[in-house]
Amino acid sequence: MIDPVSSSFAALQNLRSPDRANPVSTPQIRIGELPAAGGTEGVRGPGGASFSDLVGGLVRSVDSKSKVADAEVRSLMLGESDNIHRSMIAMQESGLAFNLLIEVRNKLVESYQELMRMPV
């Protein structure tokens, strides 16, 4: 059930340099091949997905888990279902996915702030 979140997280990790074993490798993008400024549309990862697609997919998967958990709790409260285990599991999945999303956001904000502190 955590596949969409874990796959989005794995896709985020794949945005990093494909040569993670050698962090001092030469950059993959040359000066003449830089994408146009003004957005993230020109930046694509090795899988072809842009950064905004990956983050958007992560947010959508967390939102869908929250909606599933809400529906499970609603059906349990209305007496339509007596499966409390499924409701609890859906709520825990939703909470974990939301916490993962918050941690990813915090890391992205921290990275942005680190870049802004770098001297030019």
PDB file of N, CA and C in Angstrom:
ATOM      1  N   MET A   1       0.817  -1.201   0.000  1.00  0.00           N
ATOM      2  CA  MET A   1       0.000   0.000   0.000  1.00  0.00           C
ATOM      3  C   MET A   1       0.854   1.255   0.000  1.00  0.00           C
ATOM      4  N   ILE A   2       2.139   1.183   0.353  1.00  0.00           N
ATOM      5  CA  ILE A   2       2.992   2.360   0.380  1.00  0.00           C
ATOM      6  C   ILE A   2       3.733   2.493  -0.949  1.00  0.00           C
ATOM      7  N   ASP A   3       3.407   1.688  -1.924  1.00  0.00           N
ATOM      8  CA  ASP A   3       4.116   1.712  -3.191  1.00  0.00           C
ATOM      9  C   ASP A   3       4.131   3.074  -3.876  1.00  0.00           C
ATOM     10  N   PRO A   4       2.990   3.813  -3.982  1.00  0.00           N
ATOM     11  CA  PRO A   4       3.065   5.110  -4.656  1.00  0.00           C
ATOM     12  C   PRO A   4       3.995   6.073  -3.945  1.00  0.00           C
ATOM     13  N   VAL A   5       3.999   6.076  -2.628  1.00  0.00           N
ATOM     14  CA  VAL A   5       4.864   6.995  -1.894  1.00  0.00           C
ATOM     15  C   VAL A   5       6.306   6.563  -2.032  1.00  0.00           C
ATOM     16  N   SER A   6       6.557   5.279  -1.866  1.00  0.00           N
ATOM     17  CA  SER A   6       7.949   4.830  -1.956  1.00  0.00           C
ATOM     18  C   SER A   6       8.472   4.970  -3.374  1.00  0.00           C
ATOM     19  N   SER A   7       7.616   4.768  -4.377  1.00  0.00           N
ATOM     20  CA  SER A   7       8.093   4.950  -5.743  1.00  0.00           C
ATOM     21  C   SER A   7       8.361   6.413  -6.030  1.00  0.00           C
ATOM     22  N   SER A   8       7.553   7.325  -5.474  1.00  0.00           N
ATOM     23  CA  SER A   8       7.818   8.752  -5.651  1.00  0.00           C
ATOM     24  C   SER A   8       9.106   9.143  -4.947  1.00  0.00           C
ATOM     25  N   PHE A   9       9.320   8.583  -3.759  1.00  0.00           N
ATOM     26  CA  PHE A   9      10.551   8.875  -3.039  1.00  0.00           C
ATOM     27  C   PHE A   9      11.758   8.333  -3.789  1.00  0.00           C
ATOM     28  N   ALA A  10      11.632   7.135  -4.362  1.00  0.00           N
ATOM     29  CA  ALA A  10      12.731   6.571  -5.139  1.00  0.00           C
ATOM     30  C   ALA A  10      12.992   7.402  -6.384  1.00  0.00           C
ATOM     31  N   ALA A  11      11.916   7.925  -6.990  1.00  0.00           N
ATOM     32  CA  ALA A  11      12.103   8.776  -8.162  1.00  0.00           C
ATOM     33  C   ALA A  11      12.802  10.067  -7.780  1.00  0.00           C
ATOM     34  N   LEU A  12      12.501  10.602  -6.580  1.00  0.00           N
ATOM     35  CA  LEU A  12      13.204  11.791  -6.108  1.00  0.00           C
ATOM     36  C   LEU A  12      14.679  11.503  -5.920  1.00  0.00           C
ATOM     37  N   GLN A  13      14.975  10.321  -5.416  1.00  0.00           N
ATOM     38  CA  GLN A  13      16.378   9.960  -5.227  1.00  0.00           C
ATOM     39  C   GLN A  13      17.083   9.800  -6.567  1.00  0.00           C
ATOM     40  N   ASN A  14      16.350   9.374  -7.597  1.00  0.00           N
ATOM     41  CA  ASN A  14      16.962   9.183  -8.914  1.00  0.00           C
ATOM     42  C   ASN A  14      17.275  10.500  -9.598  1.00  0.00           C
ATOM     43  N   LEU A  15      16.716  11.624  -9.085  1.00  0.00           N
ATOM     44  CA  LEU A  15      17.043  12.921  -9.659  1.00  0.00           C
ATOM     45  C   LEU A  15      18.488  13.286  -9.386  1.00  0.00           C
ATOM     46  N   ARG A  16      19.041  12.657  -8.357  1.00  0.00           N
ATOM     47  CA  ARG A  16      20.432  12.926  -8.057  1.00  0.00           C
ATOM     48  C   ARG A  16      21.273  12.385  -9.197  1.00  0.00           C
ATOM     49  N   SER A  17      22.525  12.717  -9.155  1.00  0.00           N
ATOM     50  CA  SER A  17      23.432  12.277 -10.201  1.00  0.00           C
ATOM     51  C   SER A  17      23.408  10.761 -10.322  1.00  0.00           C
ATOM     52  N   PRO A  18      23.327  10.228 -11.553  1.00  0.00           N
ATOM     53  CA  PRO A  18      23.326   8.781 -11.702  1.00  0.00           C
ATOM     54  C   PRO A  18      24.621   8.137 -11.251  1.00  0.00           C
ATOM     55  N   ASP A  19      25.660   8.911 -11.152  1.00  0.00           N
ATOM     56  CA  ASP A  19      26.944   8.391 -10.715  1.00  0.00           C
ATOM     57  C   ASP A  19      27.138   8.716  -9.242  1.00  0.00           C
ATOM     58  N   ARG A  20      26.312   8.107  -8.365  1.00  0.00           N
ATOM     59  CA  ARG A  20      26.378   8.405  -6.948  1.00  0.00           C
ATOM     60  C   ARG A  20      27.588   7.774  -6.292  1.00  0.00           C
ATOM     61  N   ALA A  21      28.172   6.761  -6.902  1.00  0.00           N
ATOM     62  CA  ALA A  21      29.335   6.106  -6.314  1.00  0.00           C
ATOM     63  C   ALA A  21      30.552   7.021  -6.365  1.00  0.00           C
ATOM     64  N   ASN A  22      30.604   7.915  -7.355  1.00  0.00           N
ATOM     65  CA  ASN A  22      31.725   8.827  -7.511  1.00  0.00           C
ATOM     66  C   ASN A  22      31.197  10.252  -7.460  1.00  0.00           C
ATOM     67  N   PRO A  23      31.131  10.861  -6.255  1.00  0.00           N
ATOM     68  CA  PRO A  23      30.546  12.198  -6.159  1.00  0.00           C
ATOM     69  C   PRO A  23      31.383  13.287  -6.800  1.00  0.00           C
ATOM     70  N   VAL A  24      32.640  13.008  -7.165  1.00  0.00           N
ATOM     71  CA  VAL A  24      33.495  14.021  -7.762  1.00  0.00           C
ATOM     72  C   VAL A  24      33.515  13.865  -9.273  1.00  0.00           C
ATOM     73  N   SER A  25      32.512  13.258  -9.842  1.00  0.00           N
ATOM     74  CA  SER A  25      32.489  13.049 -11.279  1.00  0.00           C
ATOM     75  C   SER A  25      32.201  14.355 -12.004  1.00  0.00           C
ATOM     76  N   THR A  26      32.428  14.367 -13.293  1.00  0.00           N
ATOM     77  CA  THR A  26      32.162  15.558 -14.093  1.00  0.00           C
ATOM     78  C   THR A  26      30.659  15.737 -14.236  1.00  0.00           C
ATOM     79  N   PRO A  27      30.190  16.982 -14.340  1.00  0.00           N
ATOM     80  CA  PRO A  27      28.747  17.207 -14.463  1.00  0.00           C
ATOM     81  C   PRO A  27      28.204  16.635 -15.773  1.00  0.00           C
ATOM     82  N   GLN A  28      26.933  16.236 -15.735  1.00  0.00           N
ATOM     83  CA  GLN A  28      26.294  15.632 -16.897  1.00  0.00           C
ATOM     84  C   GLN A  28      25.814  16.679 -17.901  1.00  0.00           C
ATOM     85  N   ILE A  29      25.625  17.928 -17.447  1.00  0.00           N
ATOM     86  CA  ILE A  29      25.128  18.983 -18.323  1.00  0.00           C
ATOM     87  C   ILE A  29      26.279  19.925 -18.637  1.00  0.00           C
ATOM     88  N   ARG A  30      26.467  20.209 -19.896  1.00  0.00           N
ATOM     89  CA  ARG A  30      27.525  21.122 -20.300  1.00  0.00           C
ATOM     90  C   ARG A  30      26.940  22.536 -20.397  1.00  0.00           C
ATOM     91  N   ILE A  31      27.832  23.539 -20.423  1.00  0.00           N
ATOM     92  CA  ILE A  31      27.396  24.938 -20.384  1.00  0.00           C
ATOM     93  C   ILE A  31      26.442  25.244 -21.544  1.00  0.00           C
ATOM     94  N   GLY A  32      26.728  24.809 -22.723  1.00  0.00           N
ATOM     95  CA  GLY A  32      25.876  25.094 -23.882  1.00  0.00           C
ATOM     96  C   GLY A  32      24.556  24.366 -23.851  1.00  0.00           C
ATOM     97  N   GLU A  33      24.425  23.350 -22.984  1.00  0.00           N
ATOM     98  CA  GLU A  33      23.210  22.545 -22.931  1.00  0.00           C
ATOM     99  C   GLU A  33      22.329  22.902 -21.745  1.00  0.00           C
ATOM    100  N   LEU A  34      22.629  23.999 -21.045  1.00  0.00           N
ATOM    101  CA  LEU A  34      21.839  24.365 -19.884  1.00  0.00           C
ATOM    102  C   LEU A  34      20.402  24.671 -20.287  1.00  0.00           C
ATOM    103  N   PRO A  35      19.433  24.250 -19.470  1.00  0.00           N
ATOM    104  CA  PRO A  35      18.044  24.552 -19.798  1.00  0.00           C
ATOM    105  C   PRO A  35      17.762  26.031 -19.634  1.00  0.00           C
ATOM    106  N   ALA A  36      16.725  26.489 -20.294  1.00  0.00           N
ATOM    107  CA  ALA A  36      16.349  27.894 -20.214  1.00  0.00           C
ATOM    108  C   ALA A  36      15.915  28.240 -18.806  1.00  0.00           C
ATOM    109  N   ALA A  37      16.283  29.450 -18.370  1.00  0.00           N
ATOM    110  CA  ALA A  37      15.902  29.897 -17.029  1.00  0.00           C
ATOM    111  C   ALA A  37      14.422  30.249 -17.013  1.00  0.00           C
ATOM    112  N   GLY A  38      13.862  30.288 -15.814  1.00  0.00           N
ATOM    113  CA  GLY A  38      12.476  30.720 -15.681  1.00  0.00           C
ATOM    114  C   GLY A  38      11.547  29.608 -15.264  1.00  0.00           C
ATOM    115  N   GLY A  39      12.022  28.464 -14.903  1.00  0.00           N
ATOM    116  CA  GLY A  39      11.143  27.400 -14.455  1.00  0.00           C
ATOM    117  C   GLY A  39      11.861  26.086 -14.400  1.00  0.00           C
ATOM    118  N   THR A  40      11.163  25.085 -13.989  1.00  0.00           N
ATOM    119  CA  THR A  40      11.745  23.760 -13.889  1.00  0.00           C
ATOM    120  C   THR A  40      11.305  22.874 -15.029  1.00  0.00           C
ATOM    121  N   GLU A  41      10.633  23.421 -16.023  1.00  0.00           N
ATOM    122  CA  GLU A  41      10.116  22.607 -17.115  1.00  0.00           C
ATOM    123  C   GLU A  41      11.242  21.989 -17.943  1.00  0.00           C
ATOM    124  N   GLY A  42      12.389  22.678 -18.047  1.00  0.00           N
ATOM    125  CA  GLY A  42      13.463  22.165 -18.874  1.00  0.00           C
ATOM    126  C   GLY A  42      14.337  21.155 -18.172  1.00  0.00           C
ATOM    127  N   VAL A  43      14.194  20.989 -16.869  1.00  0.00           N
ATOM    128  CA  VAL A  43      15.043  20.079 -16.112  1.00  0.00           C
ATOM    129  C   VAL A  43      14.338  18.741 -16.000  1.00  0.00           C
ATOM    130  N   ARG A  44      14.960  17.718 -16.521  1.00  0.00           N
ATOM    131  CA  ARG A  44      14.401  16.369 -16.493  1.00  0.00           C
ATOM    132  C   ARG A  44      15.398  15.438 -15.845  1.00  0.00           C
ATOM    133  N   GLY A  45      14.881  14.486 -15.088  1.00  0.00           N
ATOM    134  CA  GLY A  45      15.714  13.480 -14.461  1.00  0.00           C
ATOM    135  C   GLY A  45      16.047  12.385 -15.454  1.00  0.00           C
ATOM    136  N   PRO A  46      16.809  11.399 -15.019  1.00  0.00           N
ATOM    137  CA  PRO A  46      17.174  10.304 -15.910  1.00  0.00           C
ATOM    138  C   PRO A  46      15.967   9.526 -16.409  1.00  0.00           C
ATOM    139  N   GLY A  47      14.893   9.479 -15.650  1.00  0.00           N
ATOM    140  CA  GLY A  47      13.688   8.762 -16.068  1.00  0.00           C
ATOM    141  C   GLY A  47      12.776   9.592 -16.933  1.00  0.00           C
ATOM    142  N   GLY A  48      13.089  10.858 -17.174  1.00  0.00           N
ATOM    143  CA  GLY A  48      12.265  11.719 -18.005  1.00  0.00           C
ATOM    144  C   GLY A  48      11.254  12.534 -17.228  1.00  0.00           C
ATOM    145  N   ALA A  49      11.143  12.313 -15.921  1.00  0.00           N
ATOM    146  CA  ALA A  49      10.188  13.060 -15.111  1.00  0.00           C
ATOM    147  C   ALA A  49      10.842  14.340 -14.599  1.00  0.00           C
ATOM    148  N   SER A  50      10.096  15.430 -14.611  1.00  0.00           N
ATOM    149  CA  SER A  50      10.634  16.680 -14.086  1.00  0.00           C
ATOM    150  C   SER A  50      10.485  16.693 -12.573  1.00  0.00           C
ATOM    151  N   PHE A  51      11.167  17.635 -11.956  1.00  0.00           N
ATOM    152  CA  PHE A  51      11.115  17.747 -10.508  1.00  0.00           C
ATOM    153  C   PHE A  51       9.707  18.077 -10.037  1.00  0.00           C
ATOM    154  N   SER A  52       9.041  18.969 -10.751  1.00  0.00           N
ATOM    155  CA  SER A  52       7.684  19.344 -10.352  1.00  0.00           C
ATOM    156  C   SER A  52       6.727  18.165 -10.517  1.00  0.00           C
ATOM    157  N   ASP A  53       6.945  17.316 -11.520  1.00  0.00           N
ATOM    158  CA  ASP A  53       6.111  16.116 -11.678  1.00  0.00           C
ATOM    159  C   ASP A  53       6.288  15.183 -10.481  1.00  0.00           C
ATOM    160  N   LEU A  54       7.533  15.026 -10.043  1.00  0.00           N
ATOM    161  CA  LEU A  54       7.800  14.124  -8.921  1.00  0.00           C
ATOM    162  C   LEU A  54       7.181  14.631  -7.627  1.00  0.00           C
ATOM    163  N   VAL A  55       7.354  15.918  -7.358  1.00  0.00           N
ATOM    164  CA  VAL A  55       6.789  16.475  -6.122  1.00  0.00           C
ATOM    165  C   VAL A  55       5.260  16.460  -6.201  1.00  0.00           C
ATOM    166  N   GLY A  56       4.727  16.795  -7.373  1.00  0.00           N
ATOM    167  CA  GLY A  56       3.276  16.766  -7.543  1.00  0.00           C
ATOM    168  C   GLY A  56       2.718  15.367  -7.370  1.00  0.00           C
ATOM    169  N   GLY A  57       3.428  14.367  -7.881  1.00  0.00           N
ATOM    170  CA  GLY A  57       2.993  12.979  -7.705  1.00  0.00           C
ATOM    171  C   GLY A  57       3.016  12.566  -6.248  1.00  0.00           C
ATOM    172  N   LEU A  58       4.021  13.025  -5.526  1.00  0.00           N
ATOM    173  CA  LEU A  58       4.105  12.709  -4.099  1.00  0.00           C
ATOM    174  C   LEU A  58       2.939  13.342  -3.338  1.00  0.00           C
ATOM    175  N   VAL A  59       2.628  14.589  -3.648  1.00  0.00           N
ATOM    176  CA  VAL A  59       1.513  15.269  -2.968  1.00  0.00           C
ATOM    177  C   VAL A  59       0.189  14.593  -3.315  1.00  0.00           C
ATOM    178  N   ARG A  60       0.008  14.229  -4.578  1.00  0.00           N
ATOM    179  CA  ARG A  60      -1.240  13.561  -4.979  1.00  0.00           C
ATOM    180  C   ARG A  60      -1.399  12.206  -4.296  1.00  0.00           C
ATOM    181  N   SER A  61      -0.300  11.454  -4.155  1.00  0.00           N
ATOM    182  CA  SER A  61      -0.410  10.145  -3.508  1.00  0.00           C
ATOM    183  C   SER A  61      -0.730  10.298  -2.020  1.00  0.00           C
ATOM    184  N   VAL A  62      -0.164  11.321  -1.366  1.00  0.00           N
ATOM    185  CA  VAL A  62      -0.489  11.559   0.045  1.00  0.00           C
ATOM    186  C   VAL A  62      -1.950  11.979   0.173  1.00  0.00           C
ATOM    187  N   ASP A  63      -2.418  12.805  -0.744  1.00  0.00           N
ATOM    188  CA  ASP A  63      -3.812  13.234  -0.716  1.00  0.00           C
ATOM    189  C   ASP A  63      -4.756  12.054  -0.922  1.00  0.00           C
ATOM    190  N   SER A  64      -4.420  11.164  -1.831  1.00  0.00           N
ATOM    191  CA  SER A  64      -5.296  10.004  -2.073  1.00  0.00           C
ATOM    192  C   SER A  64      -5.316   9.080  -0.852  1.00  0.00           C
ATOM    193  N   LYS A  65      -4.198   8.938  -0.181  1.00  0.00           N
ATOM    194  CA  LYS A  65      -4.177   8.114   1.036  1.00  0.00           C
ATOM    195  C   LYS A  65      -5.025   8.743   2.131  1.00  0.00           C
ATOM    196  N   SER A  66      -4.990  10.050   2.224  1.00  0.00           N
ATOM    197  CA  SER A  66      -5.822  10.738   3.211  1.00  0.00           C
ATOM    198  C   SER A  66      -7.300  10.553   2.910  1.00  0.00           C
ATOM    199  N   LYS A  67      -7.662  10.624   1.631  1.00  0.00           N
ATOM    200  CA  LYS A  67      -9.066  10.429   1.249  1.00  0.00           C
ATOM    201  C   LYS A  67      -9.516   8.999   1.518  1.00  0.00           C
ATOM    202  N   VAL A  68      -8.655   8.026   1.266  1.00  0.00           N
ATOM    203  CA  VAL A  68      -8.993   6.627   1.549  1.00  0.00           C
ATOM    204  C   VAL A  68      -9.190   6.434   3.044  1.00  0.00           C
ATOM    205  N   ALA A  69      -8.310   7.019   3.847  1.00  0.00           N
ATOM    206  CA  ALA A  69      -8.437   6.898   5.299  1.00  0.00           C
ATOM    207  C   ALA A  69      -9.717   7.558   5.785  1.00  0.00           C
ATOM    208  N   ASP A  70     -10.054   8.719   5.240  1.00  0.00           N
ATOM    209  CA  ASP A  70     -11.302   9.390   5.622  1.00  0.00           C
ATOM    210  C   ASP A  70     -12.515   8.535   5.274  1.00  0.00           C
ATOM    211  N   ALA A  71     -12.501   7.917   4.098  1.00  0.00           N
ATOM    212  CA  ALA A  71     -13.628   7.077   3.680  1.00  0.00           C
ATOM    213  C   ALA A  71     -13.753   5.852   4.580  1.00  0.00           C
ATOM    214  N   GLU A  72     -12.613   5.269   4.941  1.00  0.00           N
ATOM    215  CA  GLU A  72     -12.639   4.097   5.823  1.00  0.00           C
ATOM    216  C   GLU A  72     -13.201   4.462   7.195  1.00  0.00           C
ATOM    217  N   VAL A  73     -12.760   5.568   7.738  1.00  0.00           N
ATOM    218  CA  VAL A  73     -13.243   5.999   9.058  1.00  0.00           C
ATOM    219  C   VAL A  73     -14.726   6.348   8.980  1.00  0.00           C
ATOM    220  N   ARG A  74     -15.143   7.011   7.905  1.00  0.00           N
ATOM    221  CA  ARG A  74     -16.541   7.374   7.750  1.00  0.00           C
ATOM    222  C   ARG A  74     -17.430   6.134   7.692  1.00  0.00           C
ATOM    223  N   SER A  75     -16.995   5.131   6.914  1.00  0.00           N
ATOM    224  CA  SER A  75     -17.813   3.917   6.807  1.00  0.00           C
ATOM    225  C   SER A  75     -17.837   3.158   8.132  1.00  0.00           C
ATOM    226  N   LEU A  76     -16.748   3.220   8.875  1.00  0.00           N
ATOM    227  CA  LEU A  76     -16.728   2.581  10.197  1.00  0.00           C
ATOM    228  C   LEU A  76     -17.655   3.308  11.165  1.00  0.00           C
ATOM    229  N   MET A  77     -17.625   4.624  11.152  1.00  0.00           N
ATOM    230  CA  MET A  77     -18.455   5.406  12.070  1.00  0.00           C
ATOM    231  C   MET A  77     -19.944   5.300  11.740  1.00  0.00           C
ATOM    232  N   LEU A  78     -20.260   5.137  10.455  1.00  0.00           N
ATOM    233  CA  LEU A  78     -21.660   5.018  10.059  1.00  0.00           C
ATOM    234  C   LEU A  78     -22.191   3.594  10.205  1.00  0.00           C
ATOM    235  N   GLY A  79     -21.330   2.669  10.568  1.00  0.00           N
ATOM    236  CA  GLY A  79     -21.763   1.298  10.742  1.00  0.00           C
ATOM    237  C   GLY A  79     -21.818   0.503   9.457  1.00  0.00           C
ATOM    238  N   GLU A  80     -21.326   1.063   8.368  1.00  0.00           N
ATOM    239  CA  GLU A  80     -21.327   0.364   7.084  1.00  0.00           C
ATOM    240  C   GLU A  80     -20.252  -0.713   7.052  1.00  0.00           C
ATOM    241  N   SER A  81     -19.245  -0.573   7.884  1.00  0.00           N
ATOM    242  CA  SER A  81     -18.147  -1.539   7.937  1.00  0.00           C
ATOM    243  C   SER A  81     -17.826  -1.813   9.406  1.00  0.00           C
ATOM    244  N   ASP A  82     -17.407  -3.047   9.676  1.00  0.00           N
ATOM    245  CA  ASP A  82     -16.983  -3.363  11.042  1.00  0.00           C
ATOM    246  C   ASP A  82     -15.518  -3.758  11.083  1.00  0.00           C
ATOM    247  N   ASN A  83     -14.795  -3.416  10.008  1.00  0.00           N
ATOM    248  CA  ASN A  83     -13.387  -3.776   9.914  1.00  0.00           C
ATOM    249  C   ASN A  83     -12.533  -2.624  10.463  1.00  0.00           C
ATOM    250  N   ILE A  84     -12.335  -2.661  11.759  1.00  0.00           N
ATOM    251  CA  ILE A  84     -11.562  -1.583  12.406  1.00  0.00           C
ATOM    252  C   ILE A  84     -10.079  -1.676  12.052  1.00  0.00           C
ATOM    253  N   HIS A  85      -9.616  -2.887  11.752  1.00  0.00           N
ATOM    254  CA  HIS A  85      -8.203  -3.050  11.385  1.00  0.00           C
ATOM    255  C   HIS A  85      -7.886  -2.301  10.103  1.00  0.00           C
ATOM    256  N   ARG A  86      -8.744  -2.444   9.102  1.00  0.00           N
ATOM    257  CA  ARG A  86      -8.497  -1.770   7.825  1.00  0.00           C
ATOM    258  C   ARG A  86      -8.528  -0.248   8.009  1.00  0.00           C
ATOM    259  N   SER A  87      -9.438   0.208   8.851  1.00  0.00           N
ATOM    260  CA  SER A  87      -9.521   1.654   9.104  1.00  0.00           C
ATOM    261  C   SER A  87      -8.259   2.153   9.796  1.00  0.00           C
ATOM    262  N   MET A  88      -7.795   1.403  10.774  1.00  0.00           N
ATOM    263  CA  MET A  88      -6.587   1.815  11.489  1.00  0.00           C
ATOM    264  C   MET A  88      -5.361   1.783  10.580  1.00  0.00           C
ATOM    265  N   ILE A  89      -5.284   0.754   9.736  1.00  0.00           N
ATOM    266  CA  ILE A  89      -4.146   0.664   8.816  1.00  0.00           C
ATOM    267  C   ILE A  89      -4.177   1.823   7.826  1.00  0.00           C
ATOM    268  N   ALA A  90      -5.352   2.160   7.318  1.00  0.00           N
ATOM    269  CA  ALA A  90      -5.467   3.280   6.374  1.00  0.00           C
ATOM    270  C   ALA A  90      -5.076   4.591   7.049  1.00  0.00           C
ATOM    271  N   MET A  91      -5.484   4.770   8.302  1.00  0.00           N
ATOM    272  CA  MET A  91      -5.114   5.994   9.018  1.00  0.00           C
ATOM    273  C   MET A  91      -3.613   6.058   9.268  1.00  0.00           C
ATOM    274  N   GLN A  92      -3.004   4.923   9.618  1.00  0.00           N
ATOM    275  CA  GLN A  92      -1.556   4.909   9.844  1.00  0.00           C
ATOM    276  C   GLN A  92      -0.791   5.164   8.548  1.00  0.00           C
ATOM    277  N   GLU A  93      -1.264   4.557   7.456  1.00  0.00           N
ATOM    278  CA  GLU A  93      -0.620   4.805   6.159  1.00  0.00           C
ATOM    279  C   GLU A  93      -0.694   6.268   5.792  1.00  0.00           C
ATOM    280  N   SER A  94      -1.852   6.853   5.994  1.00  0.00           N
ATOM    281  CA  SER A  94      -2.025   8.270   5.674  1.00  0.00           C
ATOM    282  C   SER A  94      -1.104   9.134   6.532  1.00  0.00           C
ATOM    283  N   GLY A  95      -1.005   8.816   7.810  1.00  0.00           N
ATOM    284  CA  GLY A  95      -0.133   9.583   8.689  1.00  0.00           C
ATOM    285  C   GLY A  95       1.329   9.447   8.319  1.00  0.00           C
ATOM    286  N   LEU A  96       1.747   8.231   7.985  1.00  0.00           N
ATOM    287  CA  LEU A  96       3.148   8.029   7.601  1.00  0.00           C
ATOM    288  C   LEU A  96       3.469   8.740   6.295  1.00  0.00           C
ATOM    289  N   ALA A  97       2.548   8.665   5.337  1.00  0.00           N
ATOM    290  CA  ALA A  97       2.775   9.334   4.059  1.00  0.00           C
ATOM    291  C   ALA A  97       2.858  10.841   4.256  1.00  0.00           C
ATOM    292  N   PHE A  98       2.005  11.392   5.121  1.00  0.00           N
ATOM    293  CA  PHE A  98       2.044  12.829   5.381  1.00  0.00           C
ATOM    294  C   PHE A  98       3.345  13.222   6.074  1.00  0.00           C
ATOM    295  N   ASN A  99       3.789  12.417   7.034  1.00  0.00           N
ATOM    296  CA  ASN A  99       5.058  12.711   7.703  1.00  0.00           C
ATOM    297  C   ASN A  99       6.231  12.650   6.730  1.00  0.00           C
ATOM    298  N   LEU A 100       6.201  11.689   5.805  1.00  0.00           N
ATOM    299  CA  LEU A 100       7.255  11.610   4.791  1.00  0.00           C
ATOM    300  C   LEU A 100       7.242  12.856   3.916  1.00  0.00           C
ATOM    301  N   LEU A 101       6.044  13.301   3.535  1.00  0.00           N
ATOM    302  CA  LEU A 101       5.928  14.505   2.719  1.00  0.00           C
ATOM    303  C   LEU A 101       6.480  15.724   3.459  1.00  0.00           C
ATOM    304  N   ILE A 102       6.196  15.837   4.729  1.00  0.00           N
ATOM    305  CA  ILE A 102       6.706  16.964   5.525  1.00  0.00           C
ATOM    306  C   ILE A 102       8.229  16.907   5.610  1.00  0.00           C
ATOM    307  N   GLU A 103       8.776  15.697   5.795  1.00  0.00           N
ATOM    308  CA  GLU A 103      10.237  15.570   5.868  1.00  0.00           C
ATOM    309  C   GLU A 103      10.891  15.934   4.543  1.00  0.00           C
ATOM    310  N   VAL A 104      10.295  15.514   3.433  1.00  0.00           N
ATOM    311  CA  VAL A 104      10.840  15.871   2.116  1.00  0.00           C
ATOM    312  C   VAL A 104      10.785  17.380   1.932  1.00  0.00           C
ATOM    313  N   ARG A 105       9.664  17.995   2.323  1.00  0.00           N
ATOM    314  CA  ARG A 105       9.536  19.452   2.220  1.00  0.00           C
ATOM    315  C   ARG A 105      10.601  20.145   3.064  1.00  0.00           C
ATOM    316  N   ASN A 106      10.803  19.669   4.294  1.00  0.00           N
ATOM    317  CA  ASN A 106      11.806  20.284   5.156  1.00  0.00           C
ATOM    318  C   ASN A 106      13.200  20.181   4.554  1.00  0.00           C
ATOM    319  N   LYS A 107      13.519  19.037   3.954  1.00  0.00           N
ATOM    320  CA  LYS A 107      14.831  18.880   3.323  1.00  0.00           C
ATOM    321  C   LYS A 107      14.974  19.800   2.121  1.00  0.00           C
ATOM    322  N   LEU A 108      13.901  19.952   1.353  1.00  0.00           N
ATOM    323  CA  LEU A 108      13.971  20.843   0.192  1.00  0.00           C
ATOM    324  C   LEU A 108      14.160  22.294   0.626  1.00  0.00           C
ATOM    325  N   VAL A 109      13.444  22.714   1.658  1.00  0.00           N
ATOM    326  CA  VAL A 109      13.583  24.089   2.166  1.00  0.00           C
ATOM    327  C   VAL A 109      14.976  24.292   2.725  1.00  0.00           C
ATOM    328  N   GLU A 110      15.476  23.289   3.457  1.00  0.00           N
ATOM    329  CA  GLU A 110      16.822  23.379   4.003  1.00  0.00           C
ATOM    330  C   GLU A 110      17.869  23.478   2.896  1.00  0.00           C
ATOM    331  N   SER A 111      17.693  22.716   1.835  1.00  0.00           N
ATOM    332  CA  SER A 111      18.622  22.772   0.701  1.00  0.00           C
ATOM    333  C   SER A 111      18.575  24.133   0.030  1.00  0.00           C
ATOM    334  N   TYR A 112      17.368  24.672  -0.141  1.00  0.00           N
ATOM    335  CA  TYR A 112      17.227  25.991  -0.753  1.00  0.00           C
ATOM    336  C   TYR A 112      17.921  27.053   0.096  1.00  0.00           C
ATOM    337  N   GLN A 113      17.723  26.993   1.408  1.00  0.00           N
ATOM    338  CA  GLN A 113      18.352  27.974   2.283  1.00  0.00           C
ATOM    339  C   GLN A 113      19.869  27.841   2.254  1.00  0.00           C
ATOM    340  N   GLU A 114      20.360  26.615   2.153  1.00  0.00           N
ATOM    341  CA  GLU A 114      21.807  26.399   2.058  1.00  0.00           C
ATOM    342  C   GLU A 114      22.354  27.002   0.770  1.00  0.00           C
ATOM    343  N   LEU A 115      21.622  26.845  -0.312  1.00  0.00           N
ATOM    344  CA  LEU A 115      22.058  27.434  -1.581  1.00  0.00           C
ATOM    345  C   LEU A 115      22.051  28.950  -1.511  1.00  0.00           C
ATOM    346  N   MET A 116      21.073  29.526  -0.840  1.00  0.00           N
ATOM    347  CA  MET A 116      20.998  30.987  -0.738  1.00  0.00           C
ATOM    348  C   MET A 116      22.114  31.547   0.130  1.00  0.00           C
ATOM    349  N   ARG A 117      22.650  30.754   1.050  1.00  0.00           N
ATOM    350  CA  ARG A 117      23.739  31.225   1.908  1.00  0.00           C
ATOM    351  C   ARG A 117      25.107  31.127   1.233  1.00  0.00           C
ATOM    352  N   MET A 118      25.177  30.418   0.113  1.00  0.00           N
ATOM    353  CA  MET A 118      26.469  30.249  -0.565  1.00  0.00           C
ATOM    354  C   MET A 118      26.923  31.569  -1.178  1.00  0.00           C
ATOM    355  N   PRO A 119      28.194  31.897  -0.999  1.00  0.00           N
ATOM    356  CA  PRO A 119      28.685  33.123  -1.639  1.00  0.00           C
ATOM    357  C   PRO A 119      28.788  32.937  -3.151  1.00  0.00           C
ATOM    358  N   VAL A 120      28.494  33.971  -3.871  1.00  0.00           N
ATOM    359  CA  VAL A 120      28.514  33.894  -5.337  1.00  0.00           C
ATOM    360  C   VAL A 120      29.887  34.192  -5.858  1.00  0.00           C
TER     361      VAL A 120
END
